[in-house]
N, C-alpha and C. Protein backbone atom coordinates (compact mmCIF):
# COMPACT_ATOMS: atom_id res chain seq x y z
N MET A 1 95.43 295.28 199.82
CA MET A 1 95.17 293.73 200.21
C MET A 1 95.97 293.16 198.75
N ASN A 2 97.18 292.44 199.19
CA ASN A 2 97.58 291.84 197.73
C ASN A 2 97.18 290.51 197.69
N VAL A 3 96.45 290.38 196.29
CA VAL A 3 96.17 289.02 196.11
C VAL A 3 97.38 288.34 195.36
N GLU A 4 97.72 286.78 195.69
CA GLU A 4 98.78 285.84 195.07
C GLU A 4 97.89 285.34 193.97
N PRO A 5 98.89 285.50 193.07
CA PRO A 5 98.37 284.74 191.63
C PRO A 5 97.94 283.59 191.68
N GLU A 6 97.18 283.04 191.22
CA GLU A 6 96.73 281.39 191.42
C GLU A 6 97.73 280.64 190.39
N HIS A 7 98.63 279.41 191.22
CA HIS A 7 99.28 278.73 190.21
C HIS A 7 98.39 277.69 189.46
N GLU A 8 98.57 277.50 188.28
CA GLU A 8 97.95 276.28 187.39
C GLU A 8 98.47 274.92 187.65
N THR A 9 97.92 273.96 188.16
CA THR A 9 98.17 272.69 188.38
C THR A 9 98.69 271.91 186.86
N MET A 10 99.72 271.65 186.89
CA MET A 10 100.12 270.97 185.56
C MET A 10 99.92 269.26 185.96
N PRO A 11 99.55 268.80 184.71
CA PRO A 11 98.95 267.32 184.98
C PRO A 11 100.14 266.57 184.98
N GLU A 12 100.25 265.24 185.61
CA GLU A 12 101.57 264.52 185.84
C GLU A 12 101.82 263.72 184.63
N PRO A 13 103.23 263.72 184.11
CA PRO A 13 103.12 262.74 182.91
C PRO A 13 103.15 261.38 183.17
N HIS A 14 102.25 260.84 182.41
CA HIS A 14 101.99 259.42 182.57
C HIS A 14 103.50 258.49 181.74
N PRO A 15 103.93 257.19 182.34
CA PRO A 15 105.19 256.65 181.58
C PRO A 15 104.88 255.96 180.05
N PRO A 16 105.66 256.16 179.35
CA PRO A 16 105.37 255.43 178.01
C PRO A 16 104.91 254.28 178.02
N GLN A 17 103.73 253.77 177.22
CA GLN A 17 103.53 252.58 176.96
C GLN A 17 104.32 251.58 175.92
N SER A 18 104.50 250.69 176.51
CA SER A 18 105.11 249.96 175.18
C SER A 18 104.36 249.32 174.29
N PRO A 19 104.35 249.56 173.00
CA PRO A 19 103.81 249.15 171.79
C PRO A 19 103.24 247.38 171.77
N ASP A 20 102.30 247.27 171.59
CA ASP A 20 101.87 245.89 171.30
C ASP A 20 102.69 244.86 170.52
N PRO A 21 103.03 243.39 170.58
CA PRO A 21 103.93 242.96 169.93
C PRO A 21 103.25 242.42 168.85
N ASP A 22 104.40 242.56 167.88
CA ASP A 22 104.06 242.12 166.53
C ASP A 22 104.26 240.56 166.10
N PRO A 23 102.87 239.92 165.53
CA PRO A 23 102.98 238.71 165.30
C PRO A 23 104.15 238.63 164.66
N ALA A 24 104.30 239.03 163.37
CA ALA A 24 105.43 238.59 162.46
C ALA A 24 106.57 238.63 162.93
N SER A 25 106.90 239.44 163.90
CA SER A 25 108.17 239.97 164.75
C SER A 25 108.38 238.31 165.52
N GLU A 26 107.47 237.88 166.04
CA GLU A 26 107.54 236.93 166.85
C GLU A 26 108.03 235.63 165.93
N ALA A 27 107.34 235.33 164.78
CA ALA A 27 107.72 234.66 164.20
C ALA A 27 108.88 234.36 163.65
N GLY A 28 109.40 235.66 163.24
CA GLY A 28 110.87 235.68 162.96
C GLY A 28 111.80 235.55 163.90
N THR A 29 111.67 235.80 164.94
CA THR A 29 112.41 235.55 166.39
C THR A 29 112.52 233.91 166.46
N ALA A 30 111.18 233.18 166.26
CA ALA A 30 111.19 231.94 166.44
C ALA A 30 112.08 231.16 165.42
N SER A 31 111.98 231.47 164.07
CA SER A 31 112.89 231.11 163.19
C SER A 31 114.21 231.21 163.43
N LYS A 32 114.53 232.00 163.91
CA LYS A 32 116.15 232.22 164.30
C LYS A 32 116.56 231.56 165.18
N ASP A 33 115.83 231.22 166.33
CA ASP A 33 116.07 230.30 167.39
C ASP A 33 116.20 228.78 166.94
N ALA A 34 115.19 228.52 165.72
CA ALA A 34 115.39 227.03 165.30
C ALA A 34 116.47 227.11 164.63
N ALA A 35 117.02 228.17 164.02
CA ALA A 35 117.91 228.01 163.29
C ALA A 35 119.36 228.01 163.77
N ALA A 36 119.40 228.77 165.06
CA ALA A 36 120.26 228.76 165.60
C ALA A 36 120.57 227.19 166.50
N ASN A 37 119.36 226.84 166.66
CA ASN A 37 119.41 225.33 167.10
C ASN A 37 120.09 224.24 166.30
N GLN A 38 119.35 224.32 164.97
CA GLN A 38 120.09 223.73 163.90
C GLN A 38 121.63 223.76 163.82
N ASN A 39 122.04 224.88 163.81
CA ASN A 39 123.54 225.35 163.54
C ASN A 39 124.04 224.96 164.87
N ALA A 40 123.66 224.50 166.28
CA ALA A 40 124.15 224.33 167.04
C ALA A 40 124.88 222.99 166.76
N PRO A 41 126.32 222.77 167.45
CA PRO A 41 126.82 221.47 167.23
C PRO A 41 126.25 220.35 168.19
N PHE A 42 126.35 219.00 167.34
CA PHE A 42 125.50 217.68 167.73
C PHE A 42 126.53 217.35 168.93
N SER A 43 125.95 216.25 169.73
CA SER A 43 126.51 215.86 171.10
C SER A 43 127.28 214.48 170.24
N ALA A 44 128.25 214.16 170.96
CA ALA A 44 129.01 213.08 170.44
C ALA A 44 128.23 211.61 170.46
N ASP A 45 127.41 211.52 171.37
CA ASP A 45 126.27 210.63 171.33
C ASP A 45 125.41 210.30 170.45
N ALA A 46 125.17 211.27 169.89
CA ALA A 46 123.82 211.85 168.66
C ALA A 46 124.86 211.34 167.56
N VAL A 47 125.85 211.94 167.24
CA VAL A 47 126.73 211.93 165.98
C VAL A 47 127.19 210.19 165.90
N MET A 48 127.22 209.64 167.19
CA MET A 48 127.77 208.12 166.87
C MET A 48 126.85 207.15 166.49
N ASN A 49 125.34 207.51 167.40
CA ASN A 49 124.17 206.79 166.79
C ASN A 49 123.77 206.91 165.48
N ALA A 50 123.78 208.27 165.12
CA ALA A 50 123.84 208.37 163.64
C ALA A 50 124.60 207.57 162.51
N ALA A 51 125.54 207.39 163.10
CA ALA A 51 126.89 207.05 162.06
C ALA A 51 126.45 205.20 162.32
N THR A 52 125.97 204.61 163.46
CA THR A 52 126.15 203.56 163.50
C THR A 52 125.01 203.12 162.57
N THR A 53 123.60 203.82 162.95
CA THR A 53 122.45 203.41 161.94
C THR A 53 122.73 203.45 160.57
N ARG A 54 123.51 204.53 160.25
CA ARG A 54 124.12 204.39 158.61
C ARG A 54 124.75 203.28 158.03
N ILE A 55 125.80 202.84 159.13
CA ILE A 55 126.40 202.02 158.71
C ILE A 55 125.69 200.57 158.25
N ALA A 56 124.77 200.50 159.69
CA ALA A 56 123.94 199.29 159.64
C ALA A 56 123.26 199.01 158.50
N ASP A 57 122.52 200.31 158.10
CA ASP A 57 122.01 200.24 156.73
C ASP A 57 122.57 200.01 155.31
N LEU A 58 123.75 200.62 155.33
CA LEU A 58 124.72 200.04 154.11
C LEU A 58 125.04 198.75 154.42
N GLU A 59 125.23 198.50 155.45
CA GLU A 59 125.69 196.88 155.50
C GLU A 59 124.54 195.91 155.12
N ALA A 60 123.20 196.40 155.59
CA ALA A 60 121.98 195.46 154.88
C ALA A 60 121.86 195.55 153.30
N GLU A 61 122.28 196.67 153.05
CA GLU A 61 121.73 196.85 151.30
C GLU A 61 123.01 196.08 150.80
N VAL A 62 124.18 196.21 151.38
CA VAL A 62 125.31 195.39 150.54
C VAL A 62 124.99 193.73 151.11
N THR A 63 124.54 193.49 151.97
CA THR A 63 123.92 192.01 151.94
C THR A 63 123.17 191.59 150.96
N GLU A 64 122.22 192.25 150.86
CA GLU A 64 120.99 191.96 149.99
C GLU A 64 121.54 192.18 148.73
N LEU A 65 122.25 192.80 148.29
CA LEU A 65 122.90 193.14 146.54
C LEU A 65 123.64 191.73 146.53
N LYS A 66 124.46 191.58 147.34
CA LYS A 66 125.20 190.15 147.43
C LYS A 66 124.63 189.03 147.28
N ASP A 67 123.42 188.85 147.88
CA ASP A 67 122.50 187.49 147.79
C ASP A 67 121.77 187.50 146.75
N ARG A 68 121.42 189.09 145.92
CA ARG A 68 120.86 188.98 144.66
C ARG A 68 121.77 188.32 143.92
N TRP A 69 123.10 188.93 143.67
CA TRP A 69 124.35 188.50 142.66
C TRP A 69 124.67 186.99 142.82
N MET A 70 124.48 186.53 144.09
CA MET A 70 124.91 185.03 144.19
C MET A 70 123.92 183.85 143.52
N ARG A 71 122.48 184.64 143.83
CA ARG A 71 121.33 183.64 143.06
C ARG A 71 121.46 183.63 141.77
N SER A 72 121.71 185.04 141.21
CA SER A 72 121.70 185.20 139.62
C SER A 72 123.06 184.36 139.20
N GLU A 73 123.86 184.41 139.89
CA GLU A 73 125.20 183.51 139.29
C GLU A 73 124.98 181.70 139.30
N ALA A 74 123.91 181.81 140.34
CA ALA A 74 123.70 180.06 140.14
C ALA A 74 122.61 180.00 139.47
N GLU A 75 121.99 180.71 139.14
CA GLU A 75 120.94 180.48 137.92
C GLU A 75 121.53 180.61 136.82
N ILE A 76 122.62 181.43 136.32
CA ILE A 76 123.15 181.34 135.03
C ILE A 76 123.90 179.78 134.92
N ALA A 77 124.32 179.62 135.98
CA ALA A 77 125.33 178.28 136.09
C ALA A 77 124.17 177.00 135.71
N ASN A 78 123.10 177.15 136.36
CA ASN A 78 122.26 175.96 136.03
C ASN A 78 121.76 175.95 134.59
N VAL A 79 121.39 177.28 134.24
CA VAL A 79 121.36 177.31 132.58
C VAL A 79 122.31 176.60 131.68
N ARG A 80 123.56 177.34 132.01
CA ARG A 80 124.64 176.69 131.21
C ARG A 80 124.76 175.34 131.28
N ALA A 81 124.68 174.66 132.53
CA ALA A 81 124.96 173.13 132.62
C ALA A 81 123.51 172.34 132.14
N ARG A 82 122.33 172.77 132.11
CA ARG A 82 121.29 172.45 131.36
C ARG A 82 121.53 172.43 129.64
N SER A 83 121.83 173.63 129.17
CA SER A 83 122.29 173.89 128.03
C SER A 83 123.07 172.50 127.47
N ARG A 84 124.43 172.59 128.24
CA ARG A 84 125.31 171.73 127.78
C ARG A 84 124.97 170.24 127.83
N ARG A 85 123.66 170.02 128.84
CA ARG A 85 123.33 168.79 128.96
C ARG A 85 122.64 168.45 127.82
N GLU A 86 121.73 169.42 127.39
CA GLU A 86 120.88 168.99 126.27
C GLU A 86 121.68 169.16 124.69
N VAL A 87 122.72 169.56 124.61
CA VAL A 87 123.72 169.69 123.41
C VAL A 87 124.12 168.23 123.57
N ASP A 88 124.73 168.01 124.50
CA ASP A 88 125.37 166.51 124.33
C ASP A 88 124.25 165.34 124.32
N GLU A 89 123.13 165.50 124.72
CA GLU A 89 122.33 164.54 124.66
C GLU A 89 121.74 164.72 123.21
N THR A 90 121.68 165.79 122.55
CA THR A 90 121.25 165.78 120.76
C THR A 90 122.31 165.11 120.14
N ARG A 91 123.37 165.45 120.68
CA ARG A 91 124.56 164.75 119.88
C ARG A 91 124.87 163.65 120.06
N GLN A 92 124.65 162.95 121.26
CA GLN A 92 124.66 161.70 121.50
C GLN A 92 123.62 160.77 120.75
N TYR A 93 122.39 161.48 120.76
CA TYR A 93 121.10 160.61 120.60
C TYR A 93 120.34 161.10 119.06
N ALA A 94 121.16 162.01 118.42
CA ALA A 94 120.73 162.23 117.17
C ALA A 94 120.57 161.58 116.06
N VAL A 95 121.58 160.36 116.11
CA VAL A 95 121.55 159.32 115.08
C VAL A 95 120.71 158.14 115.72
N GLN A 96 119.93 158.23 116.63
CA GLN A 96 119.20 156.97 117.02
C GLN A 96 118.37 156.50 116.14
N LYS A 97 117.44 157.20 115.18
CA LYS A 97 116.94 156.23 113.94
C LYS A 97 118.02 155.64 113.13
N PHE A 98 118.82 156.22 112.58
CA PHE A 98 119.75 155.74 112.04
C PHE A 98 120.47 154.50 112.49
N ALA A 99 120.77 154.57 113.87
CA ALA A 99 121.27 153.52 114.48
C ALA A 99 120.48 152.32 114.80
N THR A 100 119.05 152.36 114.62
CA THR A 100 117.92 151.37 114.85
C THR A 100 118.22 150.55 113.41
N ASP A 101 118.03 151.39 112.32
CA ASP A 101 118.38 150.72 111.13
C ASP A 101 119.70 149.85 111.00
N VAL A 102 120.57 150.44 111.52
CA VAL A 102 121.85 149.97 111.58
C VAL A 102 122.00 148.42 112.17
N VAL A 103 121.35 148.59 113.46
CA VAL A 103 121.14 147.30 114.16
C VAL A 103 120.59 146.28 113.46
N GLU A 104 119.51 146.57 112.61
CA GLU A 104 118.78 145.59 112.16
C GLU A 104 119.57 144.72 111.21
N ALA A 105 120.44 145.83 110.37
CA ALA A 105 121.29 144.80 109.27
C ALA A 105 122.39 144.03 110.18
N ALA A 106 123.18 144.57 111.16
CA ALA A 106 123.62 143.62 111.79
C ALA A 106 123.24 142.19 112.20
N ASP A 107 121.86 142.34 112.92
CA ASP A 107 121.05 141.10 112.93
C ASP A 107 120.91 140.13 112.09
N ASN A 108 120.53 140.85 110.90
CA ASN A 108 120.59 140.30 109.22
C ASN A 108 121.71 139.40 109.27
N LEU A 109 123.09 140.17 109.25
CA LEU A 109 124.25 139.52 108.91
C LEU A 109 124.41 138.20 109.92
N ARG A 110 124.09 138.39 111.11
CA ARG A 110 124.21 137.07 112.16
C ARG A 110 123.41 136.31 111.85
N ARG A 111 122.05 136.66 111.34
CA ARG A 111 121.16 135.64 110.86
C ARG A 111 121.72 134.67 109.87
N GLY A 112 122.30 135.33 108.64
CA GLY A 112 122.88 134.75 107.42
C GLY A 112 123.98 133.82 108.03
N ILE A 113 124.90 134.16 108.98
CA ILE A 113 126.13 133.21 109.25
C ILE A 113 125.53 132.21 109.95
N ASP A 114 124.48 132.18 110.86
CA ASP A 114 123.67 130.97 111.41
C ASP A 114 122.97 130.34 110.48
N SER A 115 122.84 130.53 109.44
CA SER A 115 121.91 129.66 108.52
C SER A 115 123.13 129.08 107.66
N LEU A 116 124.53 129.15 107.86
CA LEU A 116 125.44 128.42 107.21
C LEU A 116 125.49 127.28 108.03
N PRO A 117 126.01 126.15 107.35
CA PRO A 117 126.23 124.74 107.98
C PRO A 117 127.33 125.15 109.31
N SER A 118 127.25 124.30 110.21
CA SER A 118 128.14 124.47 111.48
C SER A 118 129.54 123.76 111.08
N ALA A 119 130.49 124.79 111.28
CA ALA A 119 131.89 124.05 110.90
C ALA A 119 132.19 122.73 111.19
N GLY A 120 132.62 121.85 110.49
CA GLY A 120 133.16 120.35 111.34
C GLY A 120 133.74 119.86 109.88
N SER A 121 134.02 118.38 110.33
CA SER A 121 134.83 117.57 109.15
C SER A 121 134.03 117.45 108.07
N GLY A 122 134.31 117.20 106.87
CA GLY A 122 133.91 117.00 105.61
C GLY A 122 133.22 118.23 105.03
N GLN A 123 133.34 119.37 105.61
CA GLN A 123 132.70 120.65 105.39
C GLN A 123 133.43 121.21 103.92
N PRO A 124 132.56 121.21 102.64
CA PRO A 124 133.47 122.15 101.56
C PRO A 124 134.32 123.49 102.14
N ASP A 125 135.70 123.67 101.46
CA ASP A 125 136.18 124.83 101.75
C ASP A 125 135.61 126.07 101.62
N ILE A 126 134.81 125.74 100.24
CA ILE A 126 134.04 127.41 100.17
C ILE A 126 133.06 127.75 101.15
N VAL A 127 132.44 126.83 101.62
CA VAL A 127 131.56 126.82 102.81
C VAL A 127 132.49 127.55 104.11
N ALA A 128 133.44 126.64 104.54
CA ALA A 128 134.30 127.30 105.26
C ALA A 128 134.57 128.82 105.11
N LYS A 129 135.38 128.99 104.16
CA LYS A 129 136.01 130.16 103.67
C LYS A 129 134.68 131.29 103.96
N LEU A 130 133.66 130.86 103.41
CA LEU A 130 132.58 131.79 103.24
C LEU A 130 132.25 132.35 104.90
N ARG A 131 132.11 131.31 105.63
CA ARG A 131 131.57 131.47 106.88
C ARG A 131 133.05 132.35 107.51
N GLU A 132 134.03 131.94 107.44
CA GLU A 132 135.10 133.00 108.01
C GLU A 132 135.18 134.08 107.55
N GLY A 133 134.99 134.57 106.13
CA GLY A 133 134.80 135.76 105.76
C GLY A 133 133.68 136.72 106.42
N LEU A 134 132.69 136.06 106.47
CA LEU A 134 131.21 136.59 107.12
C LEU A 134 131.39 137.10 108.47
N GLU A 135 132.33 136.40 109.28
CA GLU A 135 132.38 136.49 110.89
C GLU A 135 133.42 137.76 110.71
N GLY A 136 134.65 137.38 109.64
CA GLY A 136 135.24 138.69 109.93
C GLY A 136 134.59 140.11 109.67
N VAL A 137 134.00 140.07 108.59
CA VAL A 137 133.09 141.26 108.40
C VAL A 137 132.13 141.64 109.32
N GLU A 138 131.59 140.57 110.40
CA GLU A 138 130.68 141.07 111.65
C GLU A 138 131.75 141.49 112.69
N ARG A 139 132.89 141.05 112.73
CA ARG A 139 133.88 141.56 113.94
C ARG A 139 134.01 143.16 113.65
N GLY A 140 134.42 143.42 112.39
CA GLY A 140 134.81 144.85 112.04
C GLY A 140 133.68 146.01 112.11
N PHE A 141 132.46 144.86 111.48
CA PHE A 141 131.01 146.11 111.81
C PHE A 141 130.93 146.23 113.32
N LEU A 142 130.91 145.12 113.84
CA LEU A 142 130.51 145.53 115.39
C LEU A 142 131.64 146.57 116.05
N ALA A 143 132.53 146.56 115.53
CA ALA A 143 133.77 147.06 116.24
C ALA A 143 133.57 148.61 115.59
N SER A 144 133.23 148.88 114.74
CA SER A 144 132.68 150.32 113.90
C SER A 144 131.34 150.92 114.85
N LEU A 145 130.77 149.88 115.08
CA LEU A 145 129.39 150.47 115.94
C LEU A 145 129.82 150.71 117.36
N GLU A 146 130.50 149.80 118.05
CA GLU A 146 130.76 150.47 119.42
C GLU A 146 131.79 151.55 119.33
N ARG A 147 132.48 151.90 118.15
CA ARG A 147 133.41 152.95 118.29
C ARG A 147 132.39 154.37 118.39
N ASN A 148 131.15 154.26 117.89
CA ASN A 148 129.79 155.15 117.57
C ASN A 148 128.97 155.03 119.02
N GLY A 149 129.52 154.23 119.90
CA GLY A 149 128.35 153.83 121.00
C GLY A 149 127.04 153.08 120.86
N ILE A 150 127.39 152.38 119.72
CA ILE A 150 126.18 151.05 119.71
C ILE A 150 126.72 149.53 120.04
N LYS A 151 126.15 149.30 121.22
CA LYS A 151 126.71 148.05 121.71
C LYS A 151 125.73 146.86 121.40
N ARG A 152 126.16 145.36 121.17
CA ARG A 152 125.13 144.60 121.28
C ARG A 152 125.32 143.59 122.45
N GLU A 153 124.54 143.16 123.12
CA GLU A 153 124.80 142.52 124.59
C GLU A 153 123.81 141.17 124.13
N ASP A 154 124.67 140.10 124.53
CA ASP A 154 124.15 138.47 124.39
C ASP A 154 123.29 138.70 125.87
N PRO A 155 122.18 138.50 126.03
CA PRO A 155 121.62 138.15 127.49
C PRO A 155 121.59 136.69 127.74
N THR A 156 122.02 136.02 127.26
CA THR A 156 121.94 134.45 127.52
C THR A 156 122.91 134.09 129.00
N GLY A 157 121.83 133.60 129.64
CA GLY A 157 122.61 133.30 131.11
C GLY A 157 122.40 134.23 132.03
N GLN A 158 121.98 135.36 131.67
CA GLN A 158 121.88 136.60 132.62
C GLN A 158 120.43 136.26 133.13
N PRO A 159 120.39 137.16 134.54
CA PRO A 159 118.94 137.12 134.98
C PRO A 159 118.15 138.04 134.20
N PHE A 160 116.67 137.95 134.31
CA PHE A 160 116.19 138.47 133.25
C PHE A 160 116.00 139.85 133.68
N ASP A 161 116.10 140.90 132.79
CA ASP A 161 116.01 142.50 133.17
C ASP A 161 114.90 143.01 132.49
N PRO A 162 113.75 143.74 132.70
CA PRO A 162 112.77 144.15 132.22
C PRO A 162 113.12 145.37 131.18
N LYS A 163 114.20 146.10 131.72
CA LYS A 163 114.76 147.21 131.30
C LYS A 163 115.59 147.15 129.61
N LEU A 164 115.70 145.73 129.74
CA LEU A 164 116.52 145.15 128.47
C LEU A 164 116.04 144.30 127.75
N HIS A 165 115.47 143.21 128.42
CA HIS A 165 114.74 142.21 127.92
C HIS A 165 113.26 142.43 127.78
N GLN A 166 112.85 141.57 126.69
CA GLN A 166 111.33 141.46 126.64
C GLN A 166 111.07 139.75 126.31
N ALA A 167 110.43 139.26 127.37
CA ALA A 167 110.25 137.82 127.32
C ALA A 167 109.25 137.23 126.37
N MET A 168 109.62 136.54 125.59
CA MET A 168 108.67 135.98 124.52
C MET A 168 108.10 134.68 125.09
N ALA A 169 108.46 133.92 126.20
CA ALA A 169 108.22 132.73 125.95
C ALA A 169 108.81 132.46 127.73
N GLU A 170 108.09 131.38 128.48
CA GLU A 170 108.67 130.87 129.69
C GLU A 170 108.57 129.63 129.34
N GLN A 171 109.82 128.77 129.84
CA GLN A 171 110.07 127.46 129.66
C GLN A 171 110.85 126.87 130.92
N GLU A 172 110.16 125.77 131.30
CA GLU A 172 110.62 125.06 132.60
C GLU A 172 111.92 124.29 132.45
N SER A 173 112.89 124.59 133.27
CA SER A 173 114.12 124.02 133.06
C SER A 173 114.72 123.88 134.81
N GLU A 174 115.55 122.43 134.69
CA GLU A 174 116.20 122.03 136.04
C GLU A 174 117.36 122.92 136.03
N ALA A 175 117.83 123.09 134.76
CA ALA A 175 119.40 123.37 134.44
C ALA A 175 119.66 125.09 135.09
N HIS A 176 118.39 125.76 134.64
CA HIS A 176 118.66 127.17 134.88
C HIS A 176 117.79 127.85 135.97
N GLN A 177 118.34 128.73 136.88
CA GLN A 177 117.51 129.17 137.83
C GLN A 177 116.41 129.78 137.31
N PRO A 178 115.35 129.89 137.82
CA PRO A 178 114.18 130.75 137.39
C PRO A 178 114.20 132.08 137.36
N GLY A 179 113.99 132.76 136.41
CA GLY A 179 113.97 134.11 135.78
C GLY A 179 115.21 134.17 135.22
N THR A 180 116.09 133.00 134.73
CA THR A 180 117.22 133.38 133.87
C THR A 180 116.91 133.16 132.51
N VAL A 181 117.83 133.85 131.55
CA VAL A 181 117.22 134.12 130.26
C VAL A 181 118.18 132.68 129.86
N MET A 182 117.15 131.79 129.30
CA MET A 182 117.84 130.54 128.48
C MET A 182 118.42 130.45 127.05
N HIS A 183 117.41 131.52 126.17
CA HIS A 183 117.87 131.33 124.86
C HIS A 183 117.31 132.83 124.65
N ALA A 184 118.28 133.35 123.76
CA ALA A 184 117.98 134.82 123.01
C ALA A 184 117.49 135.00 121.79
N TRP A 185 116.66 135.05 121.35
CA TRP A 185 116.11 134.85 119.64
C TRP A 185 116.72 136.02 118.93
N SER A 186 116.97 137.49 119.74
CA SER A 186 117.74 138.34 119.17
C SER A 186 118.57 139.30 120.49
N PRO A 187 119.71 139.83 120.09
CA PRO A 187 120.08 140.61 121.32
C PRO A 187 119.77 141.40 121.54
N ALA A 188 120.11 142.28 122.76
CA ALA A 188 119.73 143.90 123.06
C ALA A 188 120.86 144.63 122.47
N TRP A 189 120.38 145.96 122.02
CA TRP A 189 121.25 146.91 121.41
C TRP A 189 120.90 148.24 122.23
N THR A 190 122.11 148.72 122.46
CA THR A 190 121.88 149.91 123.06
C THR A 190 122.83 150.89 122.53
N LEU A 191 122.61 152.53 122.66
CA LEU A 191 123.02 153.76 122.11
C LEU A 191 123.67 154.60 123.38
N ASN A 192 124.91 154.59 123.58
CA ASN A 192 125.19 155.32 124.56
C ASN A 192 124.52 155.02 125.77
N GLY A 193 124.31 153.75 126.15
CA GLY A 193 123.49 153.25 127.40
C GLY A 193 122.24 153.53 127.48
N ARG A 194 121.28 154.07 126.21
CA ARG A 194 119.84 153.95 125.94
C ARG A 194 119.32 152.75 125.20
N LEU A 195 118.48 152.33 125.68
CA LEU A 195 117.87 151.09 124.92
C LEU A 195 117.57 151.51 123.45
N LEU A 196 118.07 150.75 122.53
CA LEU A 196 117.66 151.09 121.01
C LEU A 196 116.57 149.82 120.66
N ARG A 197 116.88 148.66 121.30
CA ARG A 197 115.81 147.59 120.96
C ARG A 197 116.00 146.49 122.05
N PRO A 198 115.10 146.04 122.71
CA PRO A 198 115.29 144.78 123.68
C PRO A 198 115.55 143.68 123.22
N ALA A 199 116.32 142.78 124.08
CA ALA A 199 116.15 141.42 123.34
C ALA A 199 115.12 140.76 123.43
N MET A 200 114.68 139.72 122.73
CA MET A 200 113.84 138.71 122.88
C MET A 200 114.23 137.45 123.21
N VAL A 201 113.73 137.20 124.42
CA VAL A 201 114.19 136.19 124.93
C VAL A 201 113.11 135.00 125.48
N VAL A 202 113.70 133.88 125.86
CA VAL A 202 112.88 132.49 126.58
C VAL A 202 113.58 132.64 127.90
N VAL A 203 112.41 132.70 128.92
CA VAL A 203 112.98 132.85 130.21
C VAL A 203 112.92 131.46 131.11
N ALA A 204 113.32 131.02 131.99
CA ALA A 204 113.38 129.79 132.78
C ALA A 204 112.58 130.18 133.77
N LYS A 205 111.65 128.89 134.01
CA LYS A 205 110.69 128.86 135.10
C LYS A 205 110.90 127.44 135.75
N ALA A 206 110.71 127.58 137.06
CA ALA A 206 110.74 126.39 137.96
C ALA A 206 109.71 125.03 137.51
N PRO A 207 110.31 123.51 137.45
CA PRO A 207 109.45 123.01 136.74
C PRO A 207 108.18 122.47 138.00
N PRO A 208 107.41 122.02 137.54
CA PRO A 208 106.00 121.67 138.49
C PRO A 208 106.33 121.30 139.92
N ALA A 209 107.51 120.40 140.11
CA ALA A 209 107.47 119.86 141.36
C ALA A 209 108.13 120.91 142.33
N GLU A 210 108.93 121.68 141.71
CA GLU A 210 109.53 122.79 142.88
C GLU A 210 108.43 123.65 143.05
N LEU A 211 107.81 124.14 142.08
CA LEU A 211 106.62 125.02 142.34
C LEU A 211 105.69 124.62 143.43
N ALA A 212 105.27 123.22 143.30
CA ALA A 212 104.42 122.71 144.25
C ALA A 212 105.20 122.71 145.67
N THR A 213 106.72 122.68 145.69
CA THR A 213 107.20 122.49 147.03
C THR A 213 107.27 124.57 147.63
N SER A 214 107.52 125.20 146.54
CA SER A 214 107.44 126.57 147.26
C SER A 214 106.40 127.08 147.16
N GLY A 215 105.38 126.65 146.42
CA GLY A 215 103.97 126.91 147.07
C GLY A 215 103.65 128.14 146.19
N THR A 216 104.55 129.09 145.94
CA THR A 216 103.72 130.12 145.03
C THR A 216 105.31 130.52 144.00
N ARG A 217 105.13 131.42 143.16
CA ARG A 217 105.83 131.63 142.09
C ARG A 217 105.71 133.14 141.66
N ALA A 218 106.69 133.86 141.85
CA ALA A 218 106.72 135.38 141.55
C ALA A 218 106.40 135.58 139.87
N LYS A 219 105.25 136.49 139.90
CA LYS A 219 104.72 136.71 138.31
C LYS A 219 106.03 137.48 137.84
N LEU A 220 106.66 137.37 136.42
CA LEU A 220 107.56 137.54 135.68
C LEU A 220 107.06 139.01 135.18
N ASP A 221 107.72 139.95 135.31
CA ASP A 221 107.56 141.06 134.32
C ASP A 221 108.04 141.06 132.98
N THR A 222 107.43 140.92 132.00
CA THR A 222 107.80 140.55 130.61
C THR A 222 107.92 141.74 129.81
N THR A 223 107.71 142.74 130.23
CA THR A 223 108.03 144.21 129.50
C THR A 223 109.24 144.96 129.71
N ALA A 224 109.35 145.61 128.41
CA ALA A 224 110.83 145.90 128.47
C ALA A 224 110.87 147.32 128.25
């Protein structure tokens, strides 16, 4: 009796299993994808939007710089104008104290002329010549002062001006309007339009009858 040899049963082969994914490998892949996305060309709309935004930013910066420049120029112009004005005022009024002393001399000269006898018949020739000579000196003196900005103003017959006149008294008068300078004891002097010395004046006021008719009288400002 023949006995067949027994065949050994071979185990079935298993399919190879894939290894577990490496985290480092996945990160590298993600970085490559991001780099690829960055290198990818932008769309036309994206490029236009970015350019428009950049242009708007630059225009805003230019506008701000221009505004700063204009303000700086305006400030420099103001400083120059103020400095020039201060220099002009210093030049014009630097001699104010000297001018005050000079006008005192001019007033004394006028007082000396007024103290002489008035011109008339029977007056000695020496007196007439003296008056004529002093009046010529006065005319030349005043012309020299005016060339340097010093002016004498006679307020007689003018309305009272508290900026130029100082009222020493009020006097009733029917021949003058109330508030009019009737008489000036001394003239007003100015230096380039600035008051050096006010005129000492007598101001007319209405007679009592007119005051009673009007009822009230305005108070006179006597300050210069």
